């Protein structure tokens, strides 16, 4: 499991636009760099990220080898109701991680 940091607003009001920020600790090897032995290191990146709010996708992104290690994403959505935010990262070599956070809308 990779370490993640997720920042949500503490008590958003209904209808308020809220900023969500996520960071995941991941090496993100591009597949283009040579290793110590001169051979190209195998690619190991996070390819997709998505966020679902009560089951509905509110943000998704396709990432490429040019993305940095420990990718940080920031995006906005509208607070409609209390529920669950589900964050999913998918990558090379079968990497997949899902994190869930409860959201209480005032």
PDB file of N, CA and C in Angstrom:
ATOM      1  N   UNK A   1       0.834  -1.178   0.000  1.00  0.00           N
ATOM      2  CA  UNK A   1       0.000   0.000   0.000  1.00  0.00           C
ATOM      3  C   UNK A   1       0.881   1.246   0.000  1.00  0.00           C
ATOM      4  N   UNK A   2       0.561   2.135  -0.871  1.00  0.00           N
ATOM      5  CA  UNK A   2       1.261   3.409  -0.931  1.00  0.00           C
ATOM      6  C   UNK A   2       0.644   4.367   0.086  1.00  0.00           C
ATOM      7  N   UNK A   3       1.451   5.280   0.567  1.00  0.00           N
ATOM      8  CA  UNK A   3       0.963   6.286   1.501  1.00  0.00           C
ATOM      9  C   UNK A   3       0.257   7.386   0.723  1.00  0.00           C
ATOM     10  N   UNK A   4      -0.911   7.798   1.190  1.00  0.00           N
ATOM     11  CA  UNK A   4      -1.669   8.859   0.525  1.00  0.00           C
ATOM     12  C   UNK A   4      -1.980   9.980   1.509  1.00  0.00           C
ATOM     13  N   UNK A   5      -2.096  11.173   0.960  1.00  0.00           N
ATOM     14  CA  UNK A   5      -2.569  12.332   1.721  1.00  0.00           C
ATOM     15  C   UNK A   5      -3.775  12.879   0.977  1.00  0.00           C
ATOM     16  N   UNK A   6      -4.873  13.019   1.681  1.00  0.00           N
ATOM     17  CA  UNK A   6      -6.111  13.526   1.083  1.00  0.00           C
ATOM     18  C   UNK A   6      -6.597  14.691   1.932  1.00  0.00           C
ATOM     19  N   UNK A   7      -6.838  15.818   1.291  1.00  0.00           N
ATOM     20  CA  UNK A   7      -7.318  17.008   1.996  1.00  0.00           C
ATOM     21  C   UNK A   7      -8.716  17.351   1.496  1.00  0.00           C
ATOM     22  N   UNK A   8      -9.660  17.360   2.432  1.00  0.00           N
ATOM     23  CA  UNK A   8     -11.054  17.714   2.155  1.00  0.00           C
ATOM     24  C   UNK A   8     -11.417  18.924   3.005  1.00  0.00           C
ATOM     25  N   UNK A   9     -12.415  19.701   2.593  1.00  0.00           N
ATOM     26  CA  UNK A   9     -12.884  20.780   3.470  1.00  0.00           C
ATOM     27  C   UNK A   9     -13.549  20.165   4.703  1.00  0.00           C
ATOM     28  N   UNK A  10     -13.378  20.766   5.883  1.00  0.00           N
ATOM     29  CA  UNK A  10     -13.913  20.154   7.103  1.00  0.00           C
ATOM     30  C   UNK A  10     -15.438  20.088   7.169  1.00  0.00           C
ATOM     31  N   UNK A  11     -16.130  21.146   6.835  1.00  0.00           N
ATOM     32  CA  UNK A  11     -17.595  21.180   6.916  1.00  0.00           C
ATOM     33  C   UNK A  11     -18.171  21.988   5.762  1.00  0.00           C
ATOM     34  N   UNK A  12     -18.169  21.443   4.554  1.00  0.00           N
ATOM     35  CA  UNK A  12     -18.704  22.227   3.434  1.00  0.00           C
ATOM     36  C   UNK A  12     -20.223  22.377   3.558  1.00  0.00           C
ATOM     37  N   UNK A  13     -20.727  23.476   3.030  1.00  0.00           N
ATOM     38  CA  UNK A  13     -22.173  23.708   3.003  1.00  0.00           C
ATOM     39  C   UNK A  13     -22.740  23.183   1.693  1.00  0.00           C
ATOM     40  N   UNK A  14     -23.998  22.808   1.708  1.00  0.00           N
ATOM     41  CA  UNK A  14     -24.660  22.310   0.508  1.00  0.00           C
ATOM     42  C   UNK A  14     -24.598  23.369  -0.589  1.00  0.00           C
ATOM     43  N   UNK A  15     -24.170  22.956  -1.787  1.00  0.00           N
ATOM     44  CA  UNK A  15     -24.054  23.851  -2.926  1.00  0.00           C
ATOM     45  C   UNK A  15     -22.714  24.560  -3.036  1.00  0.00           C
ATOM     46  N   UNK A  16     -21.875  24.435  -2.016  1.00  0.00           N
ATOM     47  CA  UNK A  16     -20.565  25.090  -2.004  1.00  0.00           C
ATOM     48  C   UNK A  16     -19.575  24.335  -2.902  1.00  0.00           C
ATOM     49  N   UNK A  17     -18.768  25.084  -3.657  1.00  0.00           N
ATOM     50  CA  UNK A  17     -17.692  24.477  -4.442  1.00  0.00           C
ATOM     51  C   UNK A  17     -16.550  24.181  -3.485  1.00  0.00           C
ATOM     52  N   UNK A  18     -16.083  22.940  -3.501  1.00  0.00           N
ATOM     53  CA  UNK A  18     -15.016  22.556  -2.582  1.00  0.00           C
ATOM     54  C   UNK A  18     -13.807  22.044  -3.357  1.00  0.00           C
ATOM     55  N   UNK A  19     -12.632  22.347  -2.818  1.00  0.00           N
ATOM     56  CA  UNK A  19     -11.385  21.889  -3.416  1.00  0.00           C
ATOM     57  C   UNK A  19     -10.968  20.593  -2.735  1.00  0.00           C
ATOM     58  N   UNK A  20     -10.624  19.583  -3.538  1.00  0.00           N
ATOM     59  CA  UNK A  20     -10.116  18.312  -3.037  1.00  0.00           C
ATOM     60  C   UNK A  20      -8.671  18.193  -3.504  1.00  0.00           C
ATOM     61  N   UNK A  21      -7.789  17.764  -2.608  1.00  0.00           N
ATOM     62  CA  UNK A  21      -6.377  17.618  -2.947  1.00  0.00           C
ATOM     63  C   UNK A  21      -5.915  16.224  -2.541  1.00  0.00           C
ATOM     64  N   UNK A  22      -5.191  15.573  -3.455  1.00  0.00           N
ATOM     65  CA  UNK A  22      -4.697  14.217  -3.186  1.00  0.00           C
ATOM     66  C   UNK A  22      -3.232  14.106  -3.600  1.00  0.00           C
ATOM     67  N   UNK A  23      -2.490  13.341  -2.832  1.00  0.00           N
ATOM     68  CA  UNK A  23      -1.100  13.044  -3.139  1.00  0.00           C
ATOM     69  C   UNK A  23      -0.870  11.585  -2.798  1.00  0.00           C
ATOM     70  N   UNK A  24      -0.159  10.866  -3.653  1.00  0.00           N
ATOM     71  CA  UNK A  24       0.173   9.481  -3.378  1.00  0.00           C
ATOM     72  C   UNK A  24       1.677   9.302  -3.508  1.00  0.00           C
ATOM     73  N   UNK A  25       2.284   8.598  -2.565  1.00  0.00           N
ATOM     74  CA  UNK A  25       3.720   8.322  -2.594  1.00  0.00           C
ATOM     75  C   UNK A  25       3.959   7.161  -3.560  1.00  0.00           C
ATOM     76  N   UNK A  26       4.591   7.458  -4.689  1.00  0.00           N
ATOM     77  CA  UNK A  26       4.866   6.450  -5.712  1.00  0.00           C
ATOM     78  C   UNK A  26       6.113   6.869  -6.478  1.00  0.00           C
ATOM     79  N   UNK A  27       7.000   5.928  -6.769  1.00  0.00           N
ATOM     80  CA  UNK A  27       8.283   6.219  -7.402  1.00  0.00           C
ATOM     81  C   UNK A  27       8.127   6.787  -8.807  1.00  0.00           C
ATOM     82  N   UNK A  28       7.196   6.281  -9.599  1.00  0.00           N
ATOM     83  CA  UNK A  28       6.923   6.769 -10.952  1.00  0.00           C
ATOM     84  C   UNK A  28       8.151   6.696 -11.856  1.00  0.00           C
ATOM     85  N   UNK A  29       8.573   5.502 -12.202  1.00  0.00           N
ATOM     86  CA  UNK A  29       9.686   5.308 -13.134  1.00  0.00           C
ATOM     87  C   UNK A  29       9.161   5.392 -14.556  1.00  0.00           C
ATOM     88  N   UNK A  30       9.722   6.288 -15.362  1.00  0.00           N
ATOM     89  CA  UNK A  30       9.216   6.588 -16.708  1.00  0.00           C
ATOM     90  C   UNK A  30       9.434   5.475 -17.725  1.00  0.00           C
ATOM     91  N   UNK A  31      10.428   4.636 -17.518  1.00  0.00           N
ATOM     92  CA  UNK A  31      10.744   3.603 -18.508  1.00  0.00           C
ATOM     93  C   UNK A  31      11.740   4.077 -19.546  1.00  0.00           C
ATOM     94  N   UNK A  32      12.275   5.279 -19.377  1.00  0.00           N
ATOM     95  CA  UNK A  32      13.242   5.837 -20.320  1.00  0.00           C
ATOM     96  C   UNK A  32      14.637   6.007 -19.716  1.00  0.00           C
ATOM     97  N   UNK A  33      14.751   5.959 -18.396  1.00  0.00           N
ATOM     98  CA  UNK A  33      16.045   6.192 -17.745  1.00  0.00           C
ATOM     99  C   UNK A  33      16.882   4.918 -17.709  1.00  0.00           C
ATOM    100  N   UNK A  34      18.203   5.052 -17.892  1.00  0.00           N
ATOM    101  CA  UNK A  34      19.079   3.895 -17.742  1.00  0.00           C
ATOM    102  C   UNK A  34      19.384   3.655 -16.265  1.00  0.00           C
ATOM    103  N   UNK A  35      19.509   2.385 -15.904  1.00  0.00           N
ATOM    104  CA  UNK A  35      19.882   2.036 -14.544  1.00  0.00           C
ATOM    105  C   UNK A  35      21.388   2.020 -14.389  1.00  0.00           C
ATOM    106  N   UNK A  36      21.892   1.583 -13.243  1.00  0.00           N
ATOM    107  CA  UNK A  36      23.329   1.538 -12.972  1.00  0.00           C
ATOM    108  C   UNK A  36      24.059   0.610 -13.935  1.00  0.00           C
ATOM    109  N   UNK A  37      23.365  -0.421 -14.426  1.00  0.00           N
ATOM    110  CA  UNK A  37      23.990  -1.370 -15.359  1.00  0.00           C
ATOM    111  C   UNK A  37      23.868  -0.938 -16.820  1.00  0.00           C
ATOM    112  N   UNK A  38      23.262   0.228 -17.070  1.00  0.00           N
ATOM    113  CA  UNK A  38      23.127   0.738 -18.426  1.00  0.00           C
ATOM    114  C   UNK A  38      21.836   0.331 -19.117  1.00  0.00           C
ATOM    115  N   UNK A  39      21.112  -0.626 -18.557  1.00  0.00           N
ATOM    116  CA  UNK A  39      19.832  -1.050 -19.141  1.00  0.00           C
ATOM    117  C   UNK A  39      18.722  -0.081 -18.730  1.00  0.00           C
ATOM    118  N   UNK A  40      17.749   0.044 -19.603  1.00  0.00           N
ATOM    119  CA  UNK A  40      16.611   0.908 -19.306  1.00  0.00           C
ATOM    120  C   UNK A  40      15.794   0.304 -18.168  1.00  0.00           C
ATOM    121  N   UNK A  41      15.491   1.132 -17.179  1.00  0.00           N
ATOM    122  CA  UNK A  41      14.663   0.683 -16.052  1.00  0.00           C
ATOM    123  C   UNK A  41      13.235   0.474 -16.542  1.00  0.00           C
ATOM    124  N   UNK A  42      12.556  -0.576 -16.088  1.00  0.00           N
ATOM    125  CA  UNK A  42      11.182  -0.812 -16.546  1.00  0.00           C
ATOM    126  C   UNK A  42      10.221   0.275 -16.062  1.00  0.00           C
ATOM    127  N   UNK A  43       9.255   0.567 -16.887  1.00  0.00           N
ATOM    128  CA  UNK A  43       8.255   1.588 -16.571  1.00  0.00           C
ATOM    129  C   UNK A  43       7.405   1.146 -15.384  1.00  0.00           C
ATOM    130  N   UNK A  44       7.123   2.066 -14.493  1.00  0.00           N
ATOM    131  CA  UNK A  44       6.263   1.814 -13.335  1.00  0.00           C
ATOM    132  C   UNK A  44       5.608   3.143 -12.955  1.00  0.00           C
ATOM    133  N   UNK A  45       4.463   3.433 -13.567  1.00  0.00           N
ATOM    134  CA  UNK A  45       3.781   4.701 -13.314  1.00  0.00           C
ATOM    135  C   UNK A  45       2.331   4.460 -12.903  1.00  0.00           C
ATOM    136  N   UNK A  46       1.745   5.473 -12.320  1.00  0.00           N
ATOM    137  CA  UNK A  46       0.301   5.477 -12.099  1.00  0.00           C
ATOM    138  C   UNK A  46      -0.305   5.997 -13.391  1.00  0.00           C
ATOM    139  N   UNK A  47      -1.206   5.230 -13.977  1.00  0.00           N
ATOM    140  CA  UNK A  47      -1.781   5.576 -15.274  1.00  0.00           C
ATOM    141  C   UNK A  47      -3.118   6.287 -15.178  1.00  0.00           C
ATOM    142  N   UNK A  48      -3.894   5.990 -14.145  1.00  0.00           N
ATOM    143  CA  UNK A  48      -5.238   6.563 -14.037  1.00  0.00           C
ATOM    144  C   UNK A  48      -5.550   6.939 -12.597  1.00  0.00           C
ATOM    145  N   UNK A  49      -6.323   8.000 -12.474  1.00  0.00           N
ATOM    146  CA  UNK A  49      -6.841   8.412 -11.179  1.00  0.00           C
ATOM    147  C   UNK A  49      -8.302   8.770 -11.375  1.00  0.00           C
ATOM    148  N   UNK A  50      -9.140   8.413 -10.414  1.00  0.00           N
ATOM    149  CA  UNK A  50     -10.537   8.832 -10.469  1.00  0.00           C
ATOM    150  C   UNK A  50     -11.043   9.101  -9.057  1.00  0.00           C
ATOM    151  N   UNK A  51     -12.042   9.979  -8.992  1.00  0.00           N
ATOM    152  CA  UNK A  51     -12.705  10.295  -7.727  1.00  0.00           C
ATOM    153  C   UNK A  51     -14.197  10.142  -7.946  1.00  0.00           C
ATOM    154  N   UNK A  52     -14.835   9.379  -7.072  1.00  0.00           N
ATOM    155  CA  UNK A  52     -16.281   9.198  -7.127  1.00  0.00           C
ATOM    156  C   UNK A  52     -16.890   9.761  -5.839  1.00  0.00           C
ATOM    157  N   UNK A  53     -17.994  10.484  -6.020  1.00  0.00           N
ATOM    158  CA  UNK A  53     -18.725  11.108  -4.914  1.00  0.00           C
ATOM    159  C   UNK A  53     -20.068  10.405  -4.857  1.00  0.00           C
ATOM    160  N   UNK A  54     -20.281   9.609  -3.809  1.00  0.00           N
ATOM    161  CA  UNK A  54     -21.496   8.786  -3.678  1.00  0.00           C
ATOM    162  C   UNK A  54     -21.741   7.959  -4.941  1.00  0.00           C
ATOM    163  N   UNK A  55     -20.660   7.387  -5.481  1.00  0.00           N
ATOM    164  CA  UNK A  55     -20.767   6.489  -6.628  1.00  0.00           C
ATOM    165  C   UNK A  55     -20.702   7.156  -7.987  1.00  0.00           C
ATOM    166  N   UNK A  56     -20.791   8.476  -8.062  1.00  0.00           N
ATOM    167  CA  UNK A  56     -20.756   9.193  -9.337  1.00  0.00           C
ATOM    168  C   UNK A  56     -19.358   9.782  -9.555  1.00  0.00           C
ATOM    169  N   UNK A  57     -18.768   9.521 -10.720  1.00  0.00           N
ATOM    170  CA  UNK A  57     -17.443  10.050 -11.025  1.00  0.00           C
ATOM    171  C   UNK A  57     -17.510  11.568 -11.175  1.00  0.00           C
ATOM    172  N   UNK A  58     -16.702  12.270 -10.368  1.00  0.00           N
ATOM    173  CA  UNK A  58     -16.666  13.731 -10.435  1.00  0.00           C
ATOM    174  C   UNK A  58     -15.349  14.239 -11.014  1.00  0.00           C
ATOM    175  N   UNK A  59     -14.333  13.371 -11.070  1.00  0.00           N
ATOM    176  CA  UNK A  59     -13.046  13.751 -11.649  1.00  0.00           C
ATOM    177  C   UNK A  59     -12.294  12.488 -12.025  1.00  0.00           C
ATOM    178  N   UNK A  60     -11.645  12.530 -13.188  1.00  0.00           N
ATOM    179  CA  UNK A  60     -10.749  11.437 -13.575  1.00  0.00           C
ATOM    180  C   UNK A  60      -9.630  12.006 -14.426  1.00  0.00           C
ATOM    181  N   UNK A  61      -8.494  11.330 -14.416  1.00  0.00           N
ATOM    182  CA  UNK A  61      -7.329  11.788 -15.178  1.00  0.00           C
ATOM    183  C   UNK A  61      -6.539  10.585 -15.669  1.00  0.00           C
ATOM    184  N   UNK A  62      -6.013  10.707 -16.879  1.00  0.00           N
ATOM    185  CA  UNK A  62      -5.076   9.735 -17.441  1.00  0.00           C
ATOM    186  C   UNK A  62      -3.697  10.352 -17.308  1.00  0.00           C
ATOM    187  N   UNK A  63      -2.775   9.655 -16.650  1.00  0.00           N
ATOM    188  CA  UNK A  63      -1.440  10.174 -16.414  1.00  0.00           C
ATOM    189  C   UNK A  63      -0.449   9.528 -17.378  1.00  0.00           C
ATOM    190  N   UNK A  64       0.645  10.219 -17.659  1.00  0.00           N
ATOM    191  CA  UNK A  64       1.641   9.733 -18.614  1.00  0.00           C
ATOM    192  C   UNK A  64       2.993   9.612 -17.925  1.00  0.00           C
ATOM    193  N   UNK A  65       3.999   9.039 -18.603  1.00  0.00           N
ATOM    194  CA  UNK A  65       5.323   8.910 -17.991  1.00  0.00           C
ATOM    195  C   UNK A  65       5.948  10.245 -17.592  1.00  0.00           C
ATOM    196  N   UNK A  66       5.459  11.359 -18.108  1.00  0.00           N
ATOM    197  CA  UNK A  66       6.026  12.664 -17.770  1.00  0.00           C
ATOM    198  C   UNK A  66       5.570  13.174 -16.399  1.00  0.00           C
ATOM    199  N   UNK A  67       4.615  12.506 -15.765  1.00  0.00           N
ATOM    200  CA  UNK A  67       4.132  12.942 -14.457  1.00  0.00           C
ATOM    201  C   UNK A  67       5.231  12.723 -13.411  1.00  0.00           C
ATOM    202  N   UNK A  68       5.282  13.555 -12.413  1.00  0.00           N
ATOM    203  CA  UNK A  68       6.342  13.461 -11.405  1.00  0.00           C
ATOM    204  C   UNK A  68       6.107  12.301 -10.441  1.00  0.00           C
ATOM    205  N   UNK A  69       7.158  11.975  -9.716  1.00  0.00           N
ATOM    206  CA  UNK A  69       7.022  11.014  -8.626  1.00  0.00           C
ATOM    207  C   UNK A  69       6.105  11.648  -7.575  1.00  0.00           C
ATOM    208  N   UNK A  70       5.415  10.835  -6.827  1.00  0.00           N
ATOM    209  CA  UNK A  70       4.498  11.310  -5.793  1.00  0.00           C
ATOM    210  C   UNK A  70       3.493  12.310  -6.371  1.00  0.00           C
ATOM    211  N   UNK A  71       2.700  11.887  -7.359  1.00  0.00           N
ATOM    212  CA  UNK A  71       1.818  12.836  -8.041  1.00  0.00           C
ATOM    213  C   UNK A  71       0.788  13.476  -7.100  1.00  0.00           C
ATOM    214  N   UNK A  72       0.647  14.793  -7.281  1.00  0.00           N
ATOM    215  CA  UNK A  72      -0.287  15.615  -6.515  1.00  0.00           C
ATOM    216  C   UNK A  72      -1.342  16.132  -7.488  1.00  0.00           C
ATOM    217  N   UNK A  73      -2.609  15.977  -7.135  1.00  0.00           N
ATOM    218  CA  UNK A  73      -3.703  16.476  -7.963  1.00  0.00           C
ATOM    219  C   UNK A  73      -4.624  17.322  -7.094  1.00  0.00           C
ATOM    220  N   UNK A  74      -5.157  18.377  -7.689  1.00  0.00           N
ATOM    221  CA  UNK A  74      -6.108  19.251  -7.026  1.00  0.00           C
ATOM    222  C   UNK A  74      -7.252  19.501  -7.999  1.00  0.00           C
ATOM    223  N   UNK A  75      -8.483  19.380  -7.510  1.00  0.00           N
ATOM    224  CA  UNK A  75      -9.647  19.581  -8.371  1.00  0.00           C
ATOM    225  C   UNK A  75     -10.819  20.030  -7.513  1.00  0.00           C
ATOM    226  N   UNK A  76     -11.892  20.467  -8.166  1.00  0.00           N
ATOM    227  CA  UNK A  76     -13.059  21.008  -7.467  1.00  0.00           C
ATOM    228  C   UNK A  76     -14.312  20.215  -7.825  1.00  0.00           C
ATOM    229  N   UNK A  77     -15.237  20.185  -6.884  1.00  0.00           N
ATOM    230  CA  UNK A  77     -16.565  19.641  -7.110  1.00  0.00           C
ATOM    231  C   UNK A  77     -17.527  20.373  -6.180  1.00  0.00           C
ATOM    232  N   UNK A  78     -18.801  20.154  -6.366  1.00  0.00           N
ATOM    233  CA  UNK A  78     -19.818  20.827  -5.560  1.00  0.00           C
ATOM    234  C   UNK A  78     -20.312  19.885  -4.462  1.00  0.00           C
ATOM    235  N   UNK A  79     -20.401  20.387  -3.260  1.00  0.00           N
ATOM    236  CA  UNK A  79     -20.926  19.616  -2.133  1.00  0.00           C
ATOM    237  C   UNK A  79     -22.443  19.527  -2.280  1.00  0.00           C
ATOM    238  N   UNK A  80     -22.951  18.359  -2.610  1.00  0.00           N
ATOM    239  CA  UNK A  80     -24.391  18.205  -2.819  1.00  0.00           C
ATOM    240  C   UNK A  80     -25.085  17.541  -1.638  1.00  0.00           C
ATOM    241  N   UNK A  81     -24.410  16.562  -1.027  1.00  0.00           N
ATOM    242  CA  UNK A  81     -24.997  15.836   0.102  1.00  0.00           C
ATOM    243  C   UNK A  81     -23.898  15.101   0.856  1.00  0.00           C
ATOM    244  N   UNK A  82     -24.191  14.715   2.076  1.00  0.00           N
ATOM    245  CA  UNK A  82     -23.236  13.932   2.848  1.00  0.00           C
ATOM    246  C   UNK A  82     -23.083  12.564   2.209  1.00  0.00           C
ATOM    247  N   UNK A  83     -21.917  11.983   2.374  1.00  0.00           N
ATOM    248  CA  UNK A  83     -21.687  10.671   1.785  1.00  0.00           C
ATOM    249  C   UNK A  83     -20.221  10.299   1.793  1.00  0.00           C
ATOM    250  N   UNK A  84     -19.834   9.556   0.763  1.00  0.00           N
ATOM    251  CA  UNK A  84     -18.478   9.022   0.683  1.00  0.00           C
ATOM    252  C   UNK A  84     -17.783   9.476  -0.587  1.00  0.00           C
ATOM    253  N   UNK A  85     -16.535   9.875  -0.433  1.00  0.00           N
ATOM    254  CA  UNK A  85     -15.665  10.157  -1.567  1.00  0.00           C
ATOM    255  C   UNK A  85     -14.727   8.962  -1.711  1.00  0.00           C
ATOM    256  N   UNK A  86     -14.628   8.436  -2.915  1.00  0.00           N
ATOM    257  CA  UNK A  86     -13.771   7.279  -3.181  1.00  0.00           C
ATOM    258  C   UNK A  86     -12.708   7.687  -4.191  1.00  0.00           C
ATOM    259  N   UNK A  87     -11.459   7.528  -3.820  1.00  0.00           N
ATOM    260  CA  UNK A  87     -10.320   7.900  -4.655  1.00  0.00           C
ATOM    261  C   UNK A  87      -9.637   6.618  -5.115  1.00  0.00           C
ATOM    262  N   UNK A  88      -9.393   6.496  -6.426  1.00  0.00           N
ATOM    263  CA  UNK A  88      -8.775   5.273  -6.944  1.00  0.00           C
ATOM    264  C   UNK A  88      -7.610   5.612  -7.864  1.00  0.00           C
ATOM    265  N   UNK A  89      -6.475   4.963  -7.599  1.00  0.00           N
ATOM    266  CA  UNK A  89      -5.287   5.067  -8.431  1.00  0.00           C
ATOM    267  C   UNK A  89      -5.034   3.707  -9.060  1.00  0.00           C
ATOM    268  N   UNK A  90      -4.718   3.680 -10.362  1.00  0.00           N
ATOM    269  CA  UNK A  90      -4.376   2.441 -11.068  1.00  0.00           C
ATOM    270  C   UNK A  90      -3.074   2.664 -11.810  1.00  0.00           C
ATOM    271  N   UNK A  91      -2.218   1.645 -11.821  1.00  0.00           N
ATOM    272  CA  UNK A  91      -0.927   1.820 -12.463  1.00  0.00           C
ATOM    273  C   UNK A  91      -0.402   0.554 -13.091  1.00  0.00           C
ATOM    274  N   UNK A  92       0.848   0.647 -13.520  1.00  0.00           N
ATOM    275  CA  UNK A  92       1.526  -0.490 -14.128  1.00  0.00           C
ATOM    276  C   UNK A  92       1.754  -1.586 -13.101  1.00  0.00           C
ATOM    277  N   UNK A  93       2.055  -2.760 -13.599  1.00  0.00           N
ATOM    278  CA  UNK A  93       2.399  -3.915 -12.760  1.00  0.00           C
ATOM    279  C   UNK A  93       1.287  -4.286 -11.783  1.00  0.00           C
ATOM    280  N   UNK A  94       0.030  -4.036 -12.178  1.00  0.00           N
ATOM    281  CA  UNK A  94      -1.115  -4.412 -11.355  1.00  0.00           C
ATOM    282  C   UNK A  94      -1.379  -3.509 -10.169  1.00  0.00           C
ATOM    283  N   UNK A  95      -0.741  -2.349 -10.117  1.00  0.00           N
ATOM    284  CA  UNK A  95      -0.933  -1.443  -8.987  1.00  0.00           C
ATOM    285  C   UNK A  95      -2.355  -0.888  -8.985  1.00  0.00           C
ATOM    286  N   UNK A  96      -2.994  -0.968  -7.835  1.00  0.00           N
ATOM    287  CA  UNK A  96      -4.325  -0.394  -7.656  1.00  0.00           C
ATOM    288  C   UNK A  96      -4.508  -0.077  -6.179  1.00  0.00           C
ATOM    289  N   UNK A  97      -5.000   1.104  -5.902  1.00  0.00           N
ATOM    290  CA  UNK A  97      -5.266   1.483  -4.522  1.00  0.00           C
ATOM    291  C   UNK A  97      -6.520   2.330  -4.466  1.00  0.00           C
ATOM    292  N   UNK A  98      -7.375   2.032  -3.500  1.00  0.00           N
ATOM    293  CA  UNK A  98      -8.621   2.768  -3.294  1.00  0.00           C
ATOM    294  C   UNK A  98      -8.635   3.277  -1.859  1.00  0.00           C
ATOM    295  N   UNK A  99      -8.961   4.540  -1.715  1.00  0.00           N
ATOM    296  CA  UNK A  99      -9.121   5.164  -0.398  1.00  0.00           C
ATOM    297  C   UNK A  99     -10.493   5.800  -0.339  1.00  0.00           C
ATOM    298  N   UNK A 100     -11.142   5.713   0.817  1.00  0.00           N
ATOM    299  CA  UNK A 100     -12.464   6.308   1.000  1.00  0.00           C
ATOM    300  C   UNK A 100     -12.433   7.280   2.164  1.00  0.00           C
ATOM    301  N   UNK A 101     -13.180   8.372   2.009  1.00  0.00           N
ATOM    302  CA  UNK A 101     -13.299   9.359   3.074  1.00  0.00           C
ATOM    303  C   UNK A 101     -14.762   9.778   3.180  1.00  0.00           C
ATOM    304  N   UNK A 102     -15.233   9.881   4.419  1.00  0.00           N
ATOM    305  CA  UNK A 102     -16.590  10.358   4.664  1.00  0.00           C
ATOM    306  C   UNK A 102     -16.616  11.873   4.535  1.00  0.00           C
ATOM    307  N   UNK A 103     -17.711  12.387   3.998  1.00  0.00           N
ATOM    308  CA  UNK A 103     -17.892  13.824   3.854  1.00  0.00           C
ATOM    309  C   UNK A 103     -19.218  14.201   4.486  1.00  0.00           C
ATOM    310  N   UNK A 104     -19.168  15.134   5.427  1.00  0.00           N
ATOM    311  CA  UNK A 104     -20.379  15.596   6.117  1.00  0.00           C
ATOM    312  C   UNK A 104     -20.719  16.988   5.599  1.00  0.00           C
ATOM    313  N   UNK A 105     -21.825  17.110   4.874  1.00  0.00           N
ATOM    314  CA  UNK A 105     -22.257  18.384   4.309  1.00  0.00           C
ATOM    315  C   UNK A 105     -23.253  19.031   5.265  1.00  0.00           C
ATOM    316  N   UNK A 106     -22.998  20.299   5.554  1.00  0.00           N
ATOM    317  CA  UNK A 106     -23.875  21.031   6.495  1.00  0.00           C
ATOM    318  C   UNK A 106     -25.078  21.605   5.780  1.00  0.00           C
TER     319      UNK A 106
END
